Every structure is written in structure tokens, then in C-alpha cells.
Amino acid sequence: MTGRAARADADIVLSARQVGIESGETLVLLHGFGGSGHSFDPVLDDLGRFARLVLPDLPGHGGSVGVGGKRHPRAGADAVLSTLDRLGIEHFHLGGFSMGGAVACLIAMKAPGRVKSLTLVAPGGFGPEIAAATLRQFARARSREELRDALSRMVAPGAEAPETDLAALEEERRDQALVGELTAIAEMITRDDRQGELPRESLAAIECPVRVLWGTEDPVLPVTQSRDLPDGFALRRIEGAGHMLLHEAREVVTDAFLAALSDERAEDRAF
């Protein structure tokens, strides 16, 4: 699959990779804390046959480590929208994993007329509980073994950290500036060992179809945070899966994104 990179400079706010077919629907994918657009590599081949995929690196992450501005999720939402403006993308489907899920929700709230669908994979911001120590450990990790140990705390019991992720992360963590950024962001998003919450009433105001995927054995963001979702949110709990659903439940995640691209309303389909 071919792709092109957009540089994080004055014209493009965030580093953003594009892959897939030019003529398809646009699907914007937002990675979780400590990752980058490469976090979605396991699903790119399957999704890229049907859509134009845009993969921004959120502020302080990946190729966007040096961009200016703040690092909190609301600033990330503004930066993604600004980047899409520079790319000439007005309407799009949107997906987010973990912290990227919280950013995706904020985008859907800020720009409701632009988001066609929202697919959330173990999203952040749905409750106060968070594995703060694990995320801080992950932020500091640089070596393959340190990364493996941190990621092993994010998967379901008995599952292993994906080697492909380890290789990509190890390469990224050679940048000391990136490690410093991630360490500071981890402290911010886990202050007092809790995460910020998106009010349920704000989530209920999201107008587009919404799909939510959550592993029943998620050790980072407990599945109990998927209770009492707004009407119209289609929820699938994935039995026995942990937090790293892009690897632990790749086919289920792929099917959810394809369902969103098919333009079917979430509540009308058991995805």
C-alpha cells in the first residue's frame, strides 16, 4: 500500500499520513496515548481497500512531537480539525482508540456537521478510573524490554504484547524529546490517578451514528465505563479481550469500521 506524509509545519498542523484509495470515503483514525498513526497498521490493508485513511499523530506524539500548542485532548481535537482543514477534508468518518477516542468525541462535539460516523475503540474519558501507573511506565519506556513489560500490562491475561508494535515503538523512543513529551502528557492525563471525564449529556448530544468496542478484560480502562451509554450508542463488549483491541480483536475492529463506512446507522446493525 502506498502512502504520503504531510509534514508538521505551518501549513499542516500535525504530521498526518494518508493511505488507501483516493476515491473512497475518508476515515480519520486517532491513536491512543504513547502511540502514533502506526498504531493502526494492523487494520490498514483491510480498510484501505475501501477508504481514504488519514492518520494524524496527535500533539506530542510520533511525527508531531515538535509542534507547538498544548497537549490536552481538547487542544488535540482543535489540531486535528485544523489539519483536516489544511488537507481540504470537510466531511469524514472518525475513529479513535483509547485517548484518541476521547479526542474523537470532542471533535464530534465541536464539528457535528462534519463527522459522518464515530467508532470508538476502548475510548478514554468515559469514567474516572485509569491504570495511571501503567501509562506512566509506558511513557518512560525506551528499550524493547521496557516497552514489552509496559504493554504486557495492557493486554488481557495470557496475551502477549505485539512484536510489530514493539519494533515501531522502540524506533520512535530513540527520540529523547518524544520520551520527555510523553512523560509530561502521562502526568497530565493521570493527575491524582484519575482521568478527566466526558459528561454523558455531552456525549448524548453527538448527532452521528456511534459504535463502541470494549474488551471485557481491559486492564487500562475498565469495561464498567461502558455502562449507561447514551441512547443510540451501539456497544459491543468483546469477551476475554484487553485494551489493545487493534491486535487482540483485529477482525472485530475492522468490521466495526467497515460497518461505519457502509453508512448504516449503528443502532440498526449488530456489528
C-alpha atoms as a PDB file:
ATOM      1  CA  MET A   1       0.000   0.000   0.000  1.00  0.00           C
ATOM      2  CA  THR A   2       1.336   3.417  -0.882  1.00  0.00           C
ATOM      3  CA  GLY A   3       1.091   6.478   1.292  1.00  0.00           C
ATOM      4  CA  ARG A   4       2.276  10.025   1.612  1.00  0.00           C
ATOM      5  CA  ALA A   5       3.219  12.055   4.647  1.00  0.00           C
ATOM      6  CA  ALA A   6       2.114  15.584   5.478  1.00  0.00           C
ATOM      7  CA  ARG A   7       4.796  17.466   7.409  1.00  0.00           C
ATOM      8  CA  ALA A   8       4.028  19.019  10.764  1.00  0.00           C
ATOM      9  CA  ASP A   9       4.731  22.630   9.846  1.00  0.00           C
ATOM     10  CA  ALA A  10       2.885  25.915   9.474  1.00  0.00           C
ATOM     11  CA  ASP A  11       0.746  24.558   6.649  1.00  0.00           C
ATOM     12  CA  ILE A  12      -0.139  21.188   8.181  1.00  0.00           C
ATOM     13  CA  VAL A  13      -0.601  21.451  11.931  1.00  0.00           C
ATOM     14  CA  LEU A  14       0.032  17.770  12.668  1.00  0.00           C
ATOM     15  CA  SER A  15       2.067  15.130  10.940  1.00  0.00           C
ATOM     16  CA  ALA A  16      -0.542  13.103   9.060  1.00  0.00           C
ATOM     17  CA  ARG A  17      -0.069  10.023   6.911  1.00  0.00           C
ATOM     18  CA  GLN A  18      -2.567   9.187   4.178  1.00  0.00           C
ATOM     19  CA  VAL A  19      -3.108   5.729   2.699  1.00  0.00           C
ATOM     20  CA  GLY A  20      -5.826   3.855   0.864  1.00  0.00           C
ATOM     21  CA  ILE A  21      -7.914   4.774  -2.149  1.00  0.00           C
ATOM     22  CA  GLU A  22      -8.305   8.395  -3.200  1.00  0.00           C
ATOM     23  CA  SER A  23     -11.882   7.949  -4.404  1.00  0.00           C
ATOM     24  CA  GLY A  24     -13.325   6.346  -1.275  1.00  0.00           C
ATOM     25  CA  GLU A  25     -14.933   7.751   1.840  1.00  0.00           C
ATOM     26  CA  THR A  26     -12.492   9.459   4.202  1.00  0.00           C
ATOM     27  CA  LEU A  27     -11.812   7.756   7.530  1.00  0.00           C
ATOM     28  CA  VAL A  28      -9.713   9.635  10.081  1.00  0.00           C
ATOM     29  CA  LEU A  29      -8.086   7.403  12.713  1.00  0.00           C
ATOM     30  CA  LEU A  30      -6.745   8.743  16.028  1.00  0.00           C
ATOM     31  CA  HIS A  31      -4.262   6.693  18.036  1.00  0.00           C
ATOM     32  CA  GLY A  32      -4.005   6.257  21.787  1.00  0.00           C
ATOM     33  CA  PHE A  33      -1.566   7.669  24.324  1.00  0.00           C
ATOM     34  CA  GLY A  34       2.062   6.896  23.595  1.00  0.00           C
ATOM     35  CA  GLY A  35       1.389   5.648  20.083  1.00  0.00           C
ATOM     36  CA  SER A  36       1.194   7.219  16.641  1.00  0.00           C
ATOM     37  CA  GLY A  37      -0.691   6.731  13.407  1.00  0.00           C
ATOM     38  CA  HIS A  38       1.255   3.491  13.052  1.00  0.00           C
ATOM     39  CA  SER A  39      -0.880   2.033  15.844  1.00  0.00           C
ATOM     40  CA  PHE A  40      -3.491   1.331  13.156  1.00  0.00           C
ATOM     41  CA  ASP A  41      -1.114  -0.563  10.885  1.00  0.00           C
ATOM     42  CA  PRO A  42      -2.807  -3.924  11.672  1.00  0.00           C
ATOM     43  CA  VAL A  43      -6.057  -2.776  10.004  1.00  0.00           C
ATOM     44  CA  LEU A  44      -4.759  -0.529   7.212  1.00  0.00           C
ATOM     45  CA  ASP A  45      -4.657  -3.095   4.423  1.00  0.00           C
ATOM     46  CA  ASP A  46      -8.242  -4.207   5.033  1.00  0.00           C
ATOM     47  CA  LEU A  47      -9.619  -0.690   5.453  1.00  0.00           C
ATOM     48  CA  GLY A  48      -7.520   0.934   2.736  1.00  0.00           C
ATOM     49  CA  ARG A  49      -9.274  -1.055   0.029  1.00  0.00           C
ATOM     50  CA  PHE A  50     -12.474   0.817   0.793  1.00  0.00           C
ATOM     51  CA  ALA A  51     -11.491   4.261   2.092  1.00  0.00           C
ATOM     52  CA  ARG A  52      -9.047   7.116   2.113  1.00  0.00           C
ATOM     53  CA  LEU A  53      -7.386   6.811   5.509  1.00  0.00           C
ATOM     54  CA  VAL A  54      -5.910   9.805   7.310  1.00  0.00           C
ATOM     55  CA  LEU A  55      -3.692   9.050  10.302  1.00  0.00           C
ATOM     56  CA  PRO A  56      -2.605  12.126  12.260  1.00  0.00           C
ATOM     57  CA  ASP A  57      -0.009  11.936  15.006  1.00  0.00           C
ATOM     58  CA  LEU A  58      -1.548  13.753  17.963  1.00  0.00           C
ATOM     59  CA  PRO A  59       0.357  16.637  19.587  1.00  0.00           C
ATOM     60  CA  GLY A  60       3.493  15.456  21.368  1.00  0.00           C
ATOM     61  CA  HIS A  61       3.359  12.052  19.658  1.00  0.00           C
ATOM     62  CA  GLY A  62       5.174  10.492  16.691  1.00  0.00           C
ATOM     63  CA  GLY A  63       5.941  12.979  13.955  1.00  0.00           C
ATOM     64  CA  SER A  64       4.060  15.699  15.841  1.00  0.00           C
ATOM     65  CA  VAL A  65       6.445  15.718  18.799  1.00  0.00           C
ATOM     66  CA  GLY A  66       7.751  19.161  17.883  1.00  0.00           C
ATOM     67  CA  VAL A  67       4.529  21.000  17.035  1.00  0.00           C
ATOM     68  CA  GLY A  68       3.540  23.936  19.187  1.00  0.00           C
ATOM     69  CA  GLY A  69       0.487  24.310  21.359  1.00  0.00           C
ATOM     70  CA  LYS A  70      -0.943  22.462  24.324  1.00  0.00           C
ATOM     71  CA  ARG A  71      -1.139  18.706  24.764  1.00  0.00           C
ATOM     72  CA  HIS A  72      -4.515  18.108  26.401  1.00  0.00           C
ATOM     73  CA  PRO A  73      -7.282  16.309  24.441  1.00  0.00           C
ATOM     74  CA  ARG A  74      -9.251  19.460  23.635  1.00  0.00           C
ATOM     75  CA  ALA A  75      -6.172  21.010  22.065  1.00  0.00           C
ATOM     76  CA  GLY A  76      -5.665  17.750  20.182  1.00  0.00           C
ATOM     77  CA  ALA A  77      -9.198  17.970  18.796  1.00  0.00           C
ATOM     78  CA  ASP A  78      -8.569  21.517  17.571  1.00  0.00           C
ATOM     79  CA  ALA A  79      -5.260  20.459  15.998  1.00  0.00           C
ATOM     80  CA  VAL A  80      -6.861  17.537  14.148  1.00  0.00           C
ATOM     81  CA  LEU A  81      -9.600  19.768  12.775  1.00  0.00           C
ATOM     82  CA  SER A  82      -7.049  22.363  11.686  1.00  0.00           C
ATOM     83  CA  THR A  83      -5.007  19.664   9.964  1.00  0.00           C
ATOM     84  CA  LEU A  84      -8.071  18.355   8.130  1.00  0.00           C
ATOM     85  CA  ASP A  85      -8.838  21.920   7.037  1.00  0.00           C
ATOM     86  CA  ARG A  86      -5.344  22.213   5.547  1.00  0.00           C
ATOM     87  CA  LEU A  87      -5.862  18.917   3.747  1.00  0.00           C
ATOM     88  CA  GLY A  88      -9.156  20.134   2.303  1.00  0.00           C
ATOM     89  CA  ILE A  89     -11.199  17.465   4.102  1.00  0.00           C
ATOM     90  CA  GLU A  90     -14.620  18.770   5.092  1.00  0.00           C
ATOM     91  CA  HIS A  91     -16.622  15.617   5.893  1.00  0.00           C
ATOM     92  CA  PHE A  92     -15.227  12.381   7.250  1.00  0.00           C
ATOM     93  CA  HIS A  93     -15.826   9.236   9.257  1.00  0.00           C
ATOM     94  CA  LEU A  94     -13.891   9.245  12.513  1.00  0.00           C
ATOM     95  CA  GLY A  95     -12.380   6.559  14.703  1.00  0.00           C
ATOM     96  CA  GLY A  96     -10.361   6.731  17.884  1.00  0.00           C
ATOM     97  CA  PHE A  97      -8.547   4.312  20.155  1.00  0.00           C
ATOM     98  CA  SER A  98      -8.143   4.968  23.893  1.00  0.00           C
ATOM     99  CA  MET A  99      -7.054   8.626  24.328  1.00  0.00           C
ATOM    100  CA  GLY A 100      -7.772   9.070  20.625  1.00  0.00           C
ATOM    101  CA  GLY A 101     -11.343   8.019  21.360  1.00  0.00           C
ATOM    102  CA  ALA A 102     -11.736  10.934  23.771  1.00  0.00           C
ATOM    103  CA  VAL A 103     -10.268  13.295  21.169  1.00  0.00           C
ATOM    104  CA  ALA A 104     -12.632  11.874  18.553  1.00  0.00           C
ATOM    105  CA  CYS A 105     -15.639  12.538  20.804  1.00  0.00           C
ATOM    106  CA  LEU A 106     -14.526  16.125  21.310  1.00  0.00           C
ATOM    107  CA  ILE A 107     -14.227  16.563  17.536  1.00  0.00           C
ATOM    108  CA  ALA A 108     -17.746  15.205  17.050  1.00  0.00           C
ATOM    109  CA  MET A 109     -18.985  17.720  19.635  1.00  0.00           C
ATOM    110  CA  LYS A 110     -17.053  20.642  18.132  1.00  0.00           C
ATOM    111  CA  ALA A 111     -17.860  19.929  14.475  1.00  0.00           C
ATOM    112  CA  PRO A 112     -21.066  17.871  14.397  1.00  0.00           C
ATOM    113  CA  GLY A 113     -21.827  18.714  10.786  1.00  0.00           C
ATOM    114  CA  ARG A 114     -18.530  17.292   9.580  1.00  0.00           C
ATOM    115  CA  VAL A 115     -18.433  13.872  11.273  1.00  0.00           C
ATOM    116  CA  LYS A 116     -20.361  11.158   9.416  1.00  0.00           C
ATOM    117  CA  SER A 117     -19.822   8.404  11.981  1.00  0.00           C
ATOM    118  CA  LEU A 118     -17.869   7.779  15.147  1.00  0.00           C
ATOM    119  CA  THR A 119     -16.206   4.462  16.037  1.00  0.00           C
ATOM    120  CA  LEU A 120     -14.637   4.290  19.496  1.00  0.00           C
ATOM    121  CA  VAL A 121     -12.213   1.527  20.474  1.00  0.00           C
ATOM    122  CA  ALA A 122     -11.799   1.306  24.282  1.00  0.00           C
ATOM    123  CA  PRO A 123     -12.208   5.106  24.472  1.00  0.00           C
ATOM    124  CA  GLY A 124     -10.785   7.373  27.125  1.00  0.00           C
ATOM    125  CA  GLY A 125     -12.888   9.845  29.066  1.00  0.00           C
ATOM    126  CA  PHE A 126     -15.869   7.582  29.817  1.00  0.00           C
ATOM    127  CA  GLY A 127     -15.117   7.232  33.518  1.00  0.00           C
ATOM    128  CA  PRO A 128     -12.534   8.334  36.091  1.00  0.00           C
ATOM    129  CA  GLU A 129     -10.690   5.017  36.501  1.00  0.00           C
ATOM    130  CA  ILE A 130      -7.427   4.605  34.611  1.00  0.00           C
ATOM    131  CA  ALA A 131      -4.302   2.468  35.043  1.00  0.00           C
ATOM    132  CA  ALA A 132      -2.209   5.521  35.853  1.00  0.00           C
ATOM    133  CA  ALA A 133       0.951   3.683  36.892  1.00  0.00           C
ATOM    134  CA  THR A 134       0.900   1.592  33.711  1.00  0.00           C
ATOM    135  CA  LEU A 135       0.610   4.661  31.482  1.00  0.00           C
ATOM    136  CA  ARG A 136       3.405   6.451  33.305  1.00  0.00           C
ATOM    137  CA  GLN A 137       5.584   3.375  32.929  1.00  0.00           C
ATOM    138  CA  PHE A 138       4.738   3.203  29.227  1.00  0.00           C
ATOM    139  CA  ALA A 139       5.593   6.882  28.779  1.00  0.00           C
ATOM    140  CA  ARG A 140       9.103   6.391  30.190  1.00  0.00           C
ATOM    141  CA  ALA A 141       9.856   3.116  28.411  1.00  0.00           C
ATOM    142  CA  ARG A 142      12.597   3.170  25.779  1.00  0.00           C
ATOM    143  CA  SER A 143      14.118  -0.284  25.412  1.00  0.00           C
ATOM    144  CA  ARG A 144      12.375  -3.278  23.856  1.00  0.00           C
ATOM    145  CA  GLU A 145      12.123  -4.991  27.242  1.00  0.00           C
ATOM    146  CA  GLU A 146      10.757  -1.901  28.991  1.00  0.00           C
ATOM    147  CA  LEU A 147       8.149  -1.475  26.264  1.00  0.00           C
ATOM    148  CA  ARG A 148       7.228  -5.158  26.342  1.00  0.00           C
ATOM    149  CA  ASP A 149       6.730  -5.031  30.100  1.00  0.00           C
ATOM    150  CA  ALA A 150       4.515  -1.940  29.868  1.00  0.00           C
ATOM    151  CA  LEU A 151       2.407  -3.298  27.007  1.00  0.00           C
ATOM    152  CA  SER A 152       2.017  -6.651  28.763  1.00  0.00           C
ATOM    153  CA  ARG A 153       0.049  -4.750  31.418  1.00  0.00           C
ATOM    154  CA  MET A 154      -2.408  -3.515  28.785  1.00  0.00           C
ATOM    155  CA  VAL A 155      -3.487  -6.802  27.228  1.00  0.00           C
ATOM    156  CA  ALA A 156      -5.768  -9.486  28.616  1.00  0.00           C
ATOM    157  CA  PRO A 157      -4.261 -12.109  30.948  1.00  0.00           C
ATOM    158  CA  GLY A 158      -2.311 -14.645  28.903  1.00  0.00           C
ATOM    159  CA  ALA A 159      -1.994 -12.396  25.846  1.00  0.00           C
ATOM    160  CA  GLU A 160       1.352 -11.103  24.640  1.00  0.00           C
ATOM    161  CA  ALA A 161       2.462  -7.641  23.598  1.00  0.00           C
ATOM    162  CA  PRO A 162       2.543  -7.438  19.769  1.00  0.00           C
ATOM    163  CA  GLU A 163       6.102  -7.612  18.428  1.00  0.00           C
ATOM    164  CA  THR A 164       5.283  -5.315  15.490  1.00  0.00           C
ATOM    165  CA  ASP A 165       4.224  -2.602  17.908  1.00  0.00           C
ATOM    166  CA  LEU A 166       7.358  -3.112  19.972  1.00  0.00           C
ATOM    167  CA  ALA A 167       9.638  -2.616  16.981  1.00  0.00           C
ATOM    168  CA  ALA A 168       7.902   0.578  15.864  1.00  0.00           C
ATOM    169  CA  LEU A 169       7.759   1.984  19.387  1.00  0.00           C
ATOM    170  CA  GLU A 170      11.391   1.207  20.082  1.00  0.00           C
ATOM    171  CA  GLU A 171      12.386   3.144  16.989  1.00  0.00           C
ATOM    172  CA  GLU A 172      10.222   6.124  17.967  1.00  0.00           C
ATOM    173  CA  ARG A 173      11.544   6.144  21.546  1.00  0.00           C
ATOM    174  CA  ARG A 174      15.098   6.765  20.334  1.00  0.00           C
ATOM    175  CA  ASP A 175      13.992  10.402  20.353  1.00  0.00           C
ATOM    176  CA  GLN A 176      14.584  11.682  23.895  1.00  0.00           C
ATOM    177  CA  ALA A 177      12.355  14.689  23.209  1.00  0.00           C
ATOM    178  CA  LEU A 178       9.471  12.321  22.482  1.00  0.00           C
ATOM    179  CA  VAL A 179      10.016  10.449  25.754  1.00  0.00           C
ATOM    180  CA  GLY A 180      10.037  13.750  27.615  1.00  0.00           C
ATOM    181  CA  GLU A 181       6.781  14.838  25.963  1.00  0.00           C
ATOM    182  CA  LEU A 182       5.072  11.534  26.726  1.00  0.00           C
ATOM    183  CA  THR A 183       6.200  11.595  30.339  1.00  0.00           C
ATOM    184  CA  ALA A 184       4.680  15.051  30.799  1.00  0.00           C
ATOM    185  CA  ILE A 185       1.461  14.094  28.997  1.00  0.00           C
ATOM    186  CA  ALA A 186       1.099  10.974  31.139  1.00  0.00           C
ATOM    187  CA  GLU A 187       1.330  13.060  34.291  1.00  0.00           C
ATOM    188  CA  MET A 188      -1.314  15.433  32.912  1.00  0.00           C
ATOM    189  CA  ILE A 189      -3.875  12.831  31.865  1.00  0.00           C
ATOM    190  CA  THR A 190      -3.481  10.732  35.054  1.00  0.00           C
ATOM    191  CA  ARG A 191      -3.385  13.513  37.614  1.00  0.00           C
ATOM    192  CA  ASP A 192      -4.392  12.147  41.049  1.00  0.00           C
ATOM    193  CA  ASP A 193      -4.501   8.699  39.382  1.00  0.00           C
ATOM    194  CA  ARG A 194      -7.723   9.610  37.615  1.00  0.00           C
ATOM    195  CA  GLN A 195      -8.645  10.709  34.101  1.00  0.00           C
ATOM    196  CA  GLY A 196     -10.920  13.515  33.003  1.00  0.00           C
ATOM    197  CA  GLU A 197     -14.464  12.538  32.072  1.00  0.00           C
ATOM    198  CA  LEU A 198     -16.666  13.476  29.155  1.00  0.00           C
ATOM    199  CA  PRO A 199     -20.115  14.265  30.569  1.00  0.00           C
ATOM    200  CA  ARG A 200     -22.757  11.775  29.468  1.00  0.00           C
ATOM    201  CA  GLU A 201     -25.048  14.644  28.487  1.00  0.00           C
ATOM    202  CA  SER A 202     -22.372  15.962  26.124  1.00  0.00           C
ATOM    203  CA  LEU A 203     -21.905  12.515  24.614  1.00  0.00           C
ATOM    204  CA  ALA A 204     -25.679  12.228  24.167  1.00  0.00           C
ATOM    205  CA  ALA A 205     -25.615  15.378  22.020  1.00  0.00           C
ATOM    206  CA  ILE A 206     -23.398  13.729  19.379  1.00  0.00           C
ATOM    207  CA  GLU A 207     -25.518  13.540  16.245  1.00  0.00           C
ATOM    208  CA  CYS A 208     -23.811  10.920  14.080  1.00  0.00           C
ATOM    209  CA  PRO A 209     -24.014   7.119  14.430  1.00  0.00           C
ATOM    210  CA  VAL A 210     -21.700   5.920  17.228  1.00  0.00           C
ATOM    211  CA  ARG A 211     -20.182   2.461  17.706  1.00  0.00           C
ATOM    212  CA  VAL A 212     -18.228   1.496  20.821  1.00  0.00           C
ATOM    213  CA  LEU A 213     -15.957  -1.535  21.255  1.00  0.00           C
ATOM    214  CA  TRP A 214     -14.628  -2.601  24.655  1.00  0.00           C
ATOM    215  CA  GLY A 215     -12.723  -5.625  25.919  1.00  0.00           C
ATOM    216  CA  THR A 216     -14.220  -7.299  28.969  1.00  0.00           C
ATOM    217  CA  GLU A 217     -10.713  -7.796  30.429  1.00  0.00           C
ATOM    218  CA  ASP A 218      -9.417  -4.282  29.757  1.00  0.00           C
ATOM    219  CA  PRO A 219      -6.807  -3.546  32.473  1.00  0.00           C
ATOM    220  CA  VAL A 220      -6.316   0.104  31.479  1.00  0.00           C
ATOM    221  CA  LEU A 221      -9.857   1.457  31.173  1.00  0.00           C
ATOM    222  CA  PRO A 222     -12.331  -0.906  32.868  1.00  0.00           C
ATOM    223  CA  VAL A 223     -15.262  -2.165  30.825  1.00  0.00           C
ATOM    224  CA  THR A 224     -17.615  -0.877  33.527  1.00  0.00           C
ATOM    225  CA  GLN A 225     -17.117   2.550  31.939  1.00  0.00           C
ATOM    226  CA  SER A 226     -19.273   1.329  29.041  1.00  0.00           C
ATOM    227  CA  ARG A 227     -22.372   1.262  31.263  1.00  0.00           C
ATOM    228  CA  ASP A 228     -25.194   3.745  30.782  1.00  0.00           C
ATOM    229  CA  LEU A 229     -24.120   4.955  27.362  1.00  0.00           C
ATOM    230  CA  PRO A 230     -26.458   7.388  25.613  1.00  0.00           C
ATOM    231  CA  ASP A 231     -29.319   6.033  23.548  1.00  0.00           C
ATOM    232  CA  GLY A 232     -28.125   5.432  20.007  1.00  0.00           C
ATOM    233  CA  PHE A 233     -24.613   4.336  21.015  1.00  0.00           C
ATOM    234  CA  ALA A 234     -24.157   0.781  19.726  1.00  0.00           C
ATOM    235  CA  LEU A 235     -21.927  -1.130  22.153  1.00  0.00           C
ATOM    236  CA  ARG A 236     -20.075  -4.395  21.624  1.00  0.00           C
ATOM    237  CA  ARG A 237     -18.215  -5.906  24.550  1.00  0.00           C
ATOM    238  CA  ILE A 238     -15.513  -8.299  23.350  1.00  0.00           C
ATOM    239  CA  GLU A 239     -15.250 -11.265  25.676  1.00  0.00           C
ATOM    240  CA  GLY A 240     -11.791 -12.017  27.008  1.00  0.00           C
ATOM    241  CA  ALA A 241     -10.065  -9.094  25.261  1.00  0.00           C
ATOM    242  CA  GLY A 242      -7.912  -6.485  26.953  1.00  0.00           C
ATOM    243  CA  HIS A 243      -7.137  -2.905  25.988  1.00  0.00           C
ATOM    244  CA  MET A 244      -5.073  -3.476  22.830  1.00  0.00           C
ATOM    245  CA  LEU A 245      -8.044  -4.328  20.629  1.00  0.00           C
ATOM    246  CA  LEU A 246      -6.318  -3.420  17.357  1.00  0.00           C
ATOM    247  CA  HIS A 247      -4.285  -6.584  17.928  1.00  0.00           C
ATOM    248  CA  GLU A 248      -6.396  -8.640  20.326  1.00  0.00           C
ATOM    249  CA  ALA A 249      -9.602  -8.303  18.279  1.00  0.00           C
ATOM    250  CA  ARG A 250      -8.391  -7.050  14.905  1.00  0.00           C
ATOM    251  CA  GLU A 251     -11.200  -8.577  12.843  1.00  0.00           C
ATOM    252  CA  VAL A 252     -13.904  -7.204  15.140  1.00  0.00           C
ATOM    253  CA  VAL A 253     -12.376  -3.731  14.984  1.00  0.00           C
ATOM    254  CA  THR A 254     -12.064  -3.919  11.201  1.00  0.00           C
ATOM    255  CA  ASP A 255     -15.700  -4.986  10.840  1.00  0.00           C
ATOM    256  CA  ALA A 256     -16.832  -2.071  13.011  1.00  0.00           C
ATOM    257  CA  PHE A 257     -15.008   0.451  10.829  1.00  0.00           C
ATOM    258  CA  LEU A 258     -16.347  -1.163   7.651  1.00  0.00           C
ATOM    259  CA  ALA A 259     -19.861  -1.017   9.069  1.00  0.00           C
ATOM    260  CA  ALA A 260     -19.407   2.696   9.708  1.00  0.00           C
ATOM    261  CA  LEU A 261     -18.160   3.253   6.165  1.00  0.00           C
ATOM    262  CA  SER A 262     -21.191   1.436   4.764  1.00  0.00           C
ATOM    263  CA  ASP A 263     -23.300   4.322   6.097  1.00  0.00           C
ATOM    264  CA  GLU A 264     -25.616   2.077   8.082  1.00  0.00           C
ATOM    265  CA  ARG A 265     -26.927   3.556  11.317  1.00  0.00           C
ATOM    266  CA  ALA A 266     -25.215   1.998  14.288  1.00  0.00           C
ATOM    267  CA  GLU A 267     -28.415   1.076  16.128  1.00  0.00           C
ATOM    268  CA  ASP A 268     -29.680  -0.824  13.067  1.00  0.00           C
ATOM    269  CA  ARG A 269     -26.795  -3.267  12.914  1.00  0.00           C
ATOM    270  CA  ALA A 270     -25.310  -5.746  15.349  1.00  0.00           C
ATOM    271  CA  PHE A 271     -21.672  -5.184  14.445  1.00  0.00           C
END
